[in-house]
């Protein structure tokens, strides 16, 4: 469910006026990424090109928690990413034991992989001094965000337009109810992503194995704790 707010918190962010060549489409090829993170800060940018055309953007500086590459089928329809390389399979009565089996190659991105996918030198040069250490900058037009509200500290989920920092869709995540609210962009983030992420989080610390129980740990979150 989407809730509409006024955009005063966004309008109160100071505007950074910058000039240069401007062609966002060149950074929007590829499948892109889908991720969860927390907004650390925000900035506003007005880019004036050589023809004096102005492009107005909000930039969300996000501390990413988890990210995956977006996946599409042969028809160009988005399909669910493989969230993890392993899966737990119950082996005992009433879930008294389990084993971990291979599920296939994960679509999960490490911090360095996501940074390489998102960061573009010509764009980071505009946002670098506003981006806190350990965060990534994601762009969205003022028009797309004019009727929604995001504030520092909000936990969000977003999809990028291709392999770059431009946002395709974004929503605020209520971590207690697992509901997406305050959404903006070309499409809503589906429940399957939210539920899947919450399932992964709840299974990060499995119960202590019983004697004779098979045990195998999947990829951890260490790469995001640098």
Protein backbone atom coordinates (compact mmCIF):
# COMPACT_ATOMS: atom_id res chain seq x y z
CA UNK A 1 0.00 0.00 0.00
CA UNK A 2 1.31 3.44 -0.88
CA UNK A 3 0.84 6.49 1.32
CA UNK A 4 1.17 10.04 0.05
CA UNK A 5 2.94 12.73 2.06
CA UNK A 6 3.90 16.31 1.41
CA UNK A 7 7.46 16.76 0.21
CA UNK A 8 8.63 19.45 2.65
CA UNK A 9 11.48 17.24 4.03
CA UNK A 10 12.87 16.94 0.49
CA UNK A 11 12.34 20.59 -0.40
CA UNK A 12 14.29 21.65 2.70
CA UNK A 13 17.47 20.01 1.36
CA UNK A 14 19.83 22.67 -0.11
CA UNK A 15 20.21 22.69 -3.91
CA UNK A 16 23.60 22.09 -5.54
CA UNK A 17 23.86 23.83 -8.93
CA UNK A 18 26.22 22.10 -11.36
CA UNK A 19 26.97 22.26 -15.06
CA UNK A 20 28.19 19.79 -17.65
CA UNK A 21 27.17 17.28 -20.29
CA UNK A 22 24.11 15.35 -19.15
CA UNK A 23 22.92 12.06 -20.62
CA UNK A 24 21.56 9.76 -17.88
CA UNK A 25 20.54 7.09 -20.42
CA UNK A 26 24.17 6.15 -20.98
CA UNK A 27 24.26 4.78 -17.42
CA UNK A 28 21.07 2.72 -17.65
CA UNK A 29 22.05 -0.33 -19.69
CA UNK A 30 22.32 -3.77 -18.09
CA UNK A 31 19.99 -5.60 -15.71
CA UNK A 32 20.65 -3.45 -12.64
CA UNK A 33 20.38 -4.26 -8.95
CA UNK A 34 17.75 -4.51 -6.22
CA UNK A 35 18.77 -3.71 -2.68
CA UNK A 36 17.84 -2.83 0.88
CA UNK A 37 19.53 -0.11 2.89
CA UNK A 38 19.14 2.92 5.15
CA UNK A 39 19.15 6.53 4.00
CA UNK A 40 22.11 8.21 5.67
CA UNK A 41 21.64 11.62 4.03
CA UNK A 42 20.08 13.34 1.02
CA UNK A 43 21.14 16.02 -1.46
CA UNK A 44 19.50 17.96 -4.30
CA UNK A 45 21.19 18.67 -7.61
CA UNK A 46 20.28 20.85 -10.57
CA UNK A 47 22.34 20.00 -13.65
CA UNK A 48 22.52 22.59 -16.43
CA UNK A 49 23.77 21.26 -19.76
CA UNK A 50 25.41 23.10 -22.66
CA UNK A 51 21.98 24.00 -24.09
CA UNK A 52 20.91 25.50 -20.75
CA UNK A 53 18.46 22.67 -20.11
CA UNK A 54 18.04 22.00 -16.40
CA UNK A 55 17.61 18.53 -14.87
CA UNK A 56 16.53 18.37 -11.23
CA UNK A 57 17.38 15.40 -9.02
CA UNK A 58 17.22 14.20 -5.45
CA UNK A 59 20.09 11.94 -4.44
CA UNK A 60 19.62 9.41 -1.64
CA UNK A 61 22.88 8.46 0.05
CA UNK A 62 22.25 4.91 1.16
CA UNK A 63 24.10 2.58 3.51
CA UNK A 64 23.37 -0.73 1.80
CA UNK A 65 22.58 -3.84 3.86
CA UNK A 66 22.02 -6.42 1.14
CA UNK A 67 21.90 -6.36 -2.66
CA UNK A 68 21.21 -8.69 -5.57
CA UNK A 69 21.39 -8.40 -9.34
CA UNK A 70 18.02 -8.04 -11.05
CA UNK A 71 17.02 -10.92 -13.30
CA UNK A 72 14.74 -11.02 -16.36
CA UNK A 73 13.33 -13.84 -18.48
CA UNK A 74 13.54 -14.15 -22.26
CA UNK A 75 10.43 -11.96 -22.61
CA UNK A 76 12.04 -9.13 -20.68
CA UNK A 77 9.81 -9.71 -17.65
CA UNK A 78 11.49 -9.37 -14.27
CA UNK A 79 11.79 -12.60 -12.29
CA UNK A 80 12.86 -13.24 -8.72
CA UNK A 81 16.60 -13.19 -8.12
CA UNK A 82 18.31 -16.18 -6.53
CA UNK A 83 18.77 -14.73 -3.06
CA UNK A 84 21.26 -17.28 -1.75
CA UNK A 85 23.48 -20.08 -3.03
CA UNK A 86 22.12 -22.54 -0.46
CA UNK A 87 18.79 -23.48 1.06
CA UNK A 88 17.78 -25.21 4.30
CA UNK A 89 15.93 -28.51 3.98
CA UNK A 90 14.14 -30.01 7.00
CA UNK A 91 15.30 -33.53 7.80
CA UNK A 92 13.71 -34.18 11.21
CA UNK A 93 10.29 -34.41 12.81
CA UNK A 94 8.65 -31.01 13.37
CA UNK A 95 11.70 -29.18 12.02
CA UNK A 96 13.94 -30.69 14.70
CA UNK A 97 16.90 -30.83 12.31
CA UNK A 98 17.90 -29.60 8.90
CA UNK A 99 20.63 -29.74 6.30
CA UNK A 100 21.86 -27.16 3.86
CA UNK A 101 21.80 -27.96 0.17
CA UNK A 102 23.21 -26.18 -2.86
CA UNK A 103 20.63 -24.05 -4.66
CA UNK A 104 22.68 -22.77 -7.55
CA UNK A 105 24.74 -19.65 -8.16
CA UNK A 106 23.48 -16.75 -6.09
CA UNK A 107 22.63 -13.36 -7.60
CA UNK A 108 23.79 -11.68 -4.42
CA UNK A 109 26.24 -8.80 -4.85
CA UNK A 110 29.12 -8.01 -2.53
CA UNK A 111 29.81 -4.44 -1.51
CA UNK A 112 32.65 -4.12 -4.00
CA UNK A 113 30.55 -5.62 -6.82
CA UNK A 114 27.66 -3.25 -6.13
CA UNK A 115 29.99 -0.25 -5.91
CA UNK A 116 31.53 -1.15 -9.27
CA UNK A 117 28.05 -1.51 -10.77
CA UNK A 118 26.62 1.74 -9.36
CA UNK A 119 29.50 4.21 -9.20
CA UNK A 120 30.20 6.19 -12.37
CA UNK A 121 33.12 8.66 -12.14
CA UNK A 122 31.32 11.52 -13.91
CA UNK A 123 28.40 11.19 -11.47
CA UNK A 124 30.29 10.50 -8.26
CA UNK A 125 32.31 13.67 -8.91
CA UNK A 126 29.04 15.58 -8.44
CA UNK A 127 27.92 13.79 -5.27
CA UNK A 128 31.12 12.63 -3.58
CA UNK A 129 31.40 15.47 -1.07
CA UNK A 130 27.80 14.89 0.04
CA UNK A 131 28.09 11.10 0.35
CA UNK A 132 29.02 9.75 3.81
CA UNK A 133 31.77 7.15 3.93
CA UNK A 134 30.44 3.67 3.29
CA UNK A 135 27.34 4.90 1.43
CA UNK A 136 26.32 4.85 -2.23
CA UNK A 137 24.50 7.69 -4.02
CA UNK A 138 21.27 6.90 -5.89
CA UNK A 139 19.57 9.44 -8.18
CA UNK A 140 15.88 10.11 -8.83
CA UNK A 141 14.20 13.07 -10.51
CA UNK A 142 12.35 15.66 -8.45
CA UNK A 143 9.24 14.93 -10.51
CA UNK A 144 9.26 11.25 -9.52
CA UNK A 145 9.65 12.11 -5.83
CA UNK A 146 7.44 15.21 -5.66
CA UNK A 147 4.54 13.49 -3.83
CA UNK A 148 6.45 11.20 -1.49
CA UNK A 149 8.58 11.64 1.59
CA UNK A 150 11.88 10.02 2.49
CA UNK A 151 13.89 11.12 5.49
CA UNK A 152 17.32 10.35 6.89
CA UNK A 153 17.21 7.05 8.78
CA UNK A 154 14.46 5.49 6.66
CA UNK A 155 14.99 1.86 5.66
CA UNK A 156 14.24 1.52 1.97
CA UNK A 157 14.27 -0.96 -0.87
CA UNK A 158 15.08 0.19 -4.37
CA UNK A 159 15.73 -1.04 -7.88
CA UNK A 160 18.17 0.65 -10.23
CA UNK A 161 17.61 1.42 -13.90
CA UNK A 162 20.32 -0.76 -15.33
CA UNK A 163 23.89 -0.84 -14.07
CA UNK A 164 24.07 2.64 -12.64
CA UNK A 165 22.84 4.84 -9.77
CA UNK A 166 19.49 5.94 -11.23
CA UNK A 167 16.46 4.64 -9.33
CA UNK A 168 13.76 2.71 -11.15
CA UNK A 169 11.51 2.29 -8.10
CA UNK A 170 11.92 2.82 -4.37
CA UNK A 171 9.82 2.26 -1.28
CA UNK A 172 10.08 2.70 2.46
CA UNK A 173 10.19 -0.59 4.38
CA UNK A 174 8.38 -1.03 7.67
CA UNK A 175 10.62 -3.73 9.12
CA UNK A 176 8.09 -4.73 11.79
CA UNK A 177 5.13 -5.28 9.47
CA UNK A 178 7.19 -6.10 6.35
CA UNK A 179 5.03 -3.67 4.40
CA UNK A 180 6.28 -1.35 1.68
CA UNK A 181 4.96 2.21 1.90
CA UNK A 182 5.66 5.62 0.40
CA UNK A 183 6.63 4.17 -2.97
CA UNK A 184 7.82 6.02 -6.06
CA UNK A 185 9.05 5.09 -9.51
CA UNK A 186 8.00 3.05 -12.50
CA UNK A 187 6.88 0.00 -10.57
CA UNK A 188 6.23 -1.17 -7.04
CA UNK A 189 8.62 -3.46 -5.25
CA UNK A 190 6.80 -6.76 -4.87
CA UNK A 191 6.02 -8.64 -1.69
CA UNK A 192 8.14 -11.57 -2.87
CA UNK A 193 11.32 -9.50 -2.48
CA UNK A 194 10.31 -8.19 0.95
CA UNK A 195 9.26 -11.60 2.25
CA UNK A 196 12.37 -13.24 0.83
CA UNK A 197 14.70 -10.72 2.46
CA UNK A 198 12.97 -11.13 5.80
CA UNK A 199 13.22 -14.91 5.50
CA UNK A 200 16.95 -14.65 4.81
CA UNK A 201 17.44 -12.35 7.79
CA UNK A 202 15.52 -14.62 10.16
CA UNK A 203 17.63 -17.59 9.08
CA UNK A 204 21.03 -15.88 9.36
CA UNK A 205 21.51 -17.48 12.82
CA UNK A 206 20.22 -21.06 12.59
CA UNK A 207 19.50 -23.11 15.74
CA UNK A 208 22.37 -25.10 17.24
CA UNK A 209 22.67 -28.36 15.32
CA UNK A 210 21.92 -31.61 17.09
CA UNK A 211 24.40 -34.48 17.18
CA UNK A 212 24.75 -36.02 13.74
CA UNK A 213 23.08 -33.08 12.04
CA UNK A 214 24.66 -31.87 8.82
CA UNK A 215 25.86 -28.30 8.95
CA UNK A 216 27.04 -25.96 6.21
CA UNK A 217 27.08 -22.19 6.30
CA UNK A 218 26.28 -20.07 3.26
CA UNK A 219 27.74 -16.70 2.31
CA UNK A 220 27.70 -14.28 5.24
CA UNK A 221 27.39 -10.53 5.60
CA UNK A 222 31.07 -9.90 6.41
CA UNK A 223 31.69 -8.07 3.17
CA UNK A 224 29.16 -5.39 4.23
CA UNK A 225 30.77 -4.80 7.63
CA UNK A 226 34.03 -3.25 6.45
